[in-house]
Protein backbone atom coordinates (compact mmCIF):
# COMPACT_ATOMS: atom_id res chain seq x y z
CA MET A 1 27.30 -49.09 45.37
CA PRO A 2 24.10 -48.63 47.34
CA SER A 3 20.94 -49.12 45.61
CA THR A 4 18.04 -46.61 46.05
CA ASP A 5 15.46 -48.79 43.80
CA SER A 6 13.18 -49.55 46.65
CA GLU A 7 12.61 -45.74 47.57
CA ARG A 8 11.17 -44.79 44.12
CA SER A 9 7.46 -43.59 44.15
CA GLN A 10 5.65 -46.29 42.33
CA LYS A 11 3.02 -43.62 41.22
CA ALA A 12 5.81 -41.60 39.66
CA VAL A 13 7.36 -44.67 38.04
CA ASP A 14 3.97 -45.41 36.44
CA VAL A 15 3.75 -41.85 35.03
CA ALA A 16 7.23 -42.08 33.49
CA GLN A 17 6.15 -45.42 31.88
CA GLN A 18 3.02 -43.64 30.39
CA TYR A 19 5.27 -40.91 29.00
CA LEU A 20 7.64 -43.64 27.42
CA ARG A 21 4.72 -45.30 25.68
CA ARG A 22 3.61 -41.89 24.15
CA GLU A 23 7.22 -40.97 23.17
CA ARG A 24 8.24 -43.83 21.29
CA PRO A 25 5.56 -43.71 18.66
CA LEU A 26 6.46 -39.94 18.33
CA ASN A 27 9.92 -40.80 17.54
CA ALA A 28 8.90 -43.41 15.03
CA LEU A 29 6.79 -41.00 13.46
CA VAL A 30 9.58 -38.65 12.78
CA VAL A 31 11.61 -41.26 11.22
CA GLY A 32 8.66 -42.33 9.22
CA LEU A 33 8.00 -38.78 7.87
CA ALA A 34 11.59 -38.55 6.83
CA TRP A 35 11.34 -41.75 4.85
CA LEU A 36 8.19 -40.74 3.25
CA ILE A 37 9.82 -37.50 2.20
CA PHE A 38 12.74 -39.26 0.65
CA VAL A 39 10.56 -41.88 -1.23
CA GLY A 40 8.16 -39.22 -2.44
CA THR A 41 11.09 -37.29 -3.71
CA TYR A 42 12.67 -40.40 -5.21
CA LEU A 43 9.38 -41.19 -7.25
CA VAL A 44 8.83 -37.81 -8.52
CA THR A 45 12.38 -36.76 -9.50
CA GLY A 46 14.76 -39.53 -9.38
CA LEU A 47 17.66 -40.95 -7.20
CA GLY A 48 19.95 -37.94 -7.34
CA PRO A 49 17.59 -35.20 -5.95
CA ALA A 50 16.38 -37.64 -3.34
CA VAL A 51 19.76 -38.56 -2.25
CA LEU A 52 20.43 -34.72 -1.74
CA VAL A 53 16.92 -34.40 0.10
CA ALA A 54 18.01 -37.49 2.41
CA ALA A 55 21.29 -35.63 3.38
CA ILE A 56 19.33 -32.42 4.12
CA LEU A 57 16.99 -34.30 6.23
CA ILE A 58 19.59 -36.25 8.13
CA ILE A 59 21.43 -33.03 8.97
CA GLY A 60 18.23 -30.94 9.75
CA VAL A 61 16.82 -33.65 12.04
CA ARG A 62 20.19 -34.47 13.90
CA PHE A 63 21.88 -31.15 13.84
CA PRO A 64 22.02 -29.93 17.45
CA ILE A 65 20.52 -26.40 17.27
CA PHE A 66 17.75 -26.45 19.95
CA GLN A 67 17.89 -25.70 23.60
CA SER A 68 15.27 -25.67 26.43
CA ASN A 69 15.00 -23.64 29.44
CA GLY A 70 12.32 -22.13 31.97
CA THR A 71 11.17 -21.66 35.31
CA PHE A 72 8.42 -23.15 37.39
CA ARG A 73 6.91 -22.80 41.04
CA LEU A 74 5.75 -25.58 43.10
CA ARG A 75 3.85 -25.65 46.44
CA THR A 76 3.46 -28.53 48.80
CA SER A 77 1.97 -29.23 52.22
CA ASP A 78 5.15 -31.21 53.25
CA ASP A 79 7.38 -29.27 55.76
CA LEU A 80 10.69 -27.58 54.73
CA ASP A 81 12.96 -30.34 55.91
CA THR A 82 11.05 -33.15 54.06
CA VAL A 83 11.35 -31.10 50.83
CA ILE A 84 14.87 -30.39 51.35
CA ASP A 85 15.71 -34.02 51.87
CA GLU A 86 13.72 -34.93 48.62
CA PHE A 87 15.31 -32.42 46.51
CA SER A 88 18.95 -32.77 47.73
CA GLY A 89 18.62 -36.68 47.79
CA PRO A 90 19.25 -39.10 44.79
CA LEU A 91 15.59 -39.00 43.65
CA PRO A 92 14.77 -35.10 43.02
CA PRO A 93 11.11 -34.95 42.22
CA VAL A 94 11.91 -32.56 39.36
CA LEU A 95 13.84 -35.67 37.62
CA ALA A 96 11.16 -38.31 38.20
CA LEU A 97 10.96 -38.72 34.22
CA GLN A 98 14.44 -39.91 34.35
CA TRP A 99 14.77 -41.87 37.42
CA GLY A 100 11.26 -43.23 36.81
CA LEU A 101 12.59 -45.04 33.56
CA ALA A 102 15.84 -46.26 34.95
CA GLU A 103 16.28 -49.87 35.17
CA LYS A 104 18.62 -49.30 38.22
CA VAL A 105 19.33 -46.32 40.64
CA SER A 106 22.41 -46.23 42.51
CA THR A 107 24.46 -43.76 44.53
CA GLU A 108 28.16 -43.03 44.94
CA GLY A 109 28.77 -40.62 47.90
CA ASP A 110 26.56 -37.47 46.89
CA THR A 111 26.26 -38.69 43.38
CA ALA A 112 23.14 -40.57 42.05
CA ILE A 113 23.46 -42.90 38.96
CA TYR A 114 20.26 -43.78 36.91
CA SER A 115 21.13 -46.71 34.46
CA VAL A 116 18.64 -46.40 31.55
CA SER A 117 18.33 -48.50 28.34
CA TYR A 118 16.75 -47.69 25.04
CA LEU A 119 16.53 -48.91 21.44
CA PHE A 120 14.75 -51.97 22.90
CA GLY A 121 17.84 -52.55 24.95
CA LEU A 122 20.36 -52.26 22.26
CA ARG A 123 21.92 -49.17 23.86
CA SER A 124 22.24 -47.79 27.25
CA ALA A 125 23.42 -44.73 29.26
CA ASP A 126 24.23 -43.43 32.78
CA VAL A 127 22.46 -40.17 33.75
CA THR A 128 24.55 -38.89 36.91
CA VAL A 129 23.12 -36.23 38.99
CA GLN A 130 25.41 -34.19 41.23
CA THR A 131 23.63 -32.15 43.98
CA GLU A 132 24.93 -29.20 46.08
CA MET A 133 22.82 -27.08 48.66
CA ASP A 134 23.60 -23.67 50.12
CA SER A 135 21.42 -21.49 52.57
CA LYS A 136 20.45 -17.85 51.98
CA ALA A 137 19.18 -15.21 53.97
CA GLY A 138 15.54 -15.54 54.92
CA GLY A 139 15.54 -19.16 55.67
CA LYS A 140 15.61 -20.07 51.90
CA TYR A 141 17.75 -22.98 50.57
CA VAL A 142 19.20 -23.18 47.19
CA ILE A 143 19.75 -26.76 45.67
CA GLU A 144 21.52 -27.12 42.38
CA SER A 145 21.45 -30.42 40.56
CA GLU A 146 23.90 -30.75 37.55
CA VAL A 147 22.97 -33.64 35.29
CA THR A 148 25.22 -35.48 32.86
CA VAL A 149 24.69 -38.28 30.56
CA ASP A 150 27.61 -40.50 29.97
CA ASP A 151 29.66 -37.88 31.44
CA GLN A 152 28.48 -35.17 28.97
CA PRO A 153 26.60 -32.11 30.03
CA TRP A 154 22.93 -32.42 29.88
CA ALA A 155 20.81 -29.86 32.07
CA THR A 156 21.13 -28.03 35.32
CA TYR A 157 18.17 -27.60 37.78
CA THR A 158 18.52 -24.82 40.55
CA SER A 159 15.58 -25.13 43.21
CA THR A 160 15.01 -22.39 45.84
CA VAL A 161 13.03 -23.90 48.78
CA SER A 162 11.41 -21.47 51.31
CA SER A 163 8.58 -22.14 53.65
CA SER A 164 5.65 -19.75 55.01
CA GLY A 165 4.67 -22.10 57.58
CA GLU A 166 1.43 -23.52 56.09
CA HIS A 167 3.17 -24.34 52.76
CA THR A 168 6.60 -24.98 51.31
CA THR A 169 7.23 -23.30 48.06
CA ILE A 170 9.93 -24.40 45.54
CA ASP A 171 10.99 -21.93 42.82
CA VAL A 172 12.76 -24.19 40.11
CA THR A 173 15.14 -22.66 37.09
CA TYR A 174 16.33 -25.00 34.65
CA THR A 175 18.49 -24.94 31.41
CA SER A 176 19.66 -27.64 29.07
CA ASN A 177 23.42 -27.84 28.87
CA ARG A 178 23.28 -29.83 25.43
CA ARG A 179 21.65 -28.72 22.34
CA PHE A 180 19.61 -31.24 20.54
CA GLY A 181 18.28 -31.66 16.87
CA LEU A 182 14.53 -31.61 15.36
CA ARG A 183 14.03 -35.16 16.12
CA ARG A 184 14.07 -34.41 19.86
CA VAL A 185 11.55 -31.86 19.76
CA PRO A 186 8.51 -34.09 19.77
CA GLN A 187 10.27 -35.65 22.82
CA GLN A 188 10.32 -32.29 24.48
CA LEU A 189 6.73 -31.53 23.72
CA ILE A 190 5.32 -34.75 24.97
CA ALA A 191 7.52 -34.49 28.11
CA ASN A 192 5.78 -31.19 28.85
CA ARG A 193 2.52 -33.08 29.11
CA TYR A 194 3.73 -35.33 31.94
CA ARG A 195 6.08 -33.04 33.93
CA ASP A 196 3.21 -31.52 35.81
CA GLU A 197 1.39 -34.88 36.33
CA VAL A 198 4.57 -36.69 37.62
CA LEU A 199 5.12 -34.02 40.21
CA SER A 200 1.58 -33.94 41.22
CA VAL A 201 1.51 -37.67 42.26
CA GLN A 202 4.56 -36.90 44.24
CA GLY A 203 2.51 -34.22 46.23
CA TYR A 204 3.64 -31.25 44.50
CA THR A 205 1.22 -28.63 42.85
CA VAL A 206 2.46 -26.74 39.78
CA ILE A 207 1.61 -23.02 40.49
CA THR A 208 3.14 -21.44 37.38
CA ARG A 209 5.43 -22.69 34.67
CA ASP A 210 7.31 -20.81 32.04
CA ALA A 211 8.88 -23.08 29.47
CA HIS A 212 11.18 -22.14 26.35
CA LEU A 213 12.29 -23.92 23.49
CA GLY A 214 14.43 -22.23 20.86
CA LEU A 215 17.68 -21.70 19.21
């Protein structure tokens, strides 16, 4: 299983680590707020209502009701072939927050695997990226990256790459294939802060972005 760890952009890895340092306290804050609500209810009304509130909080925080999707346009001075190689390779620039946090990046044929750990190393997961490319009329190329986590659907990124000669433009459409609970909303919001930055350090300028988070 070939490793591609040495190919990762260190600048992108650094941004991903900054994101992780911000994301962890937010997750802890969500848990802390839920605990405070439980304790407050217990002190005011007693154990019975507090248990009911705790059950509602657990369901509300974990129940998968949210889904994210959106579009954004990138521009770079890199030539068309370079961009196609990057977006169709094992380390797509749009997934830098994923491969930037992986303990190991490896490939099996056309499939990239990011091995990540969380909860201070107590749990782990394999993020798998399968990429297909097709050409369109007008010299455009469509690259689709299907992402799964432990063989469960996670997200799909479709990147349309074209060149004007002076610049290469990439129009990206993405959608989450798995719904998530309220506890993941802060994670999504903080990720928005770093997505543009992690693309910038790889040489891509975000021209427009339209992100949606809803039911």
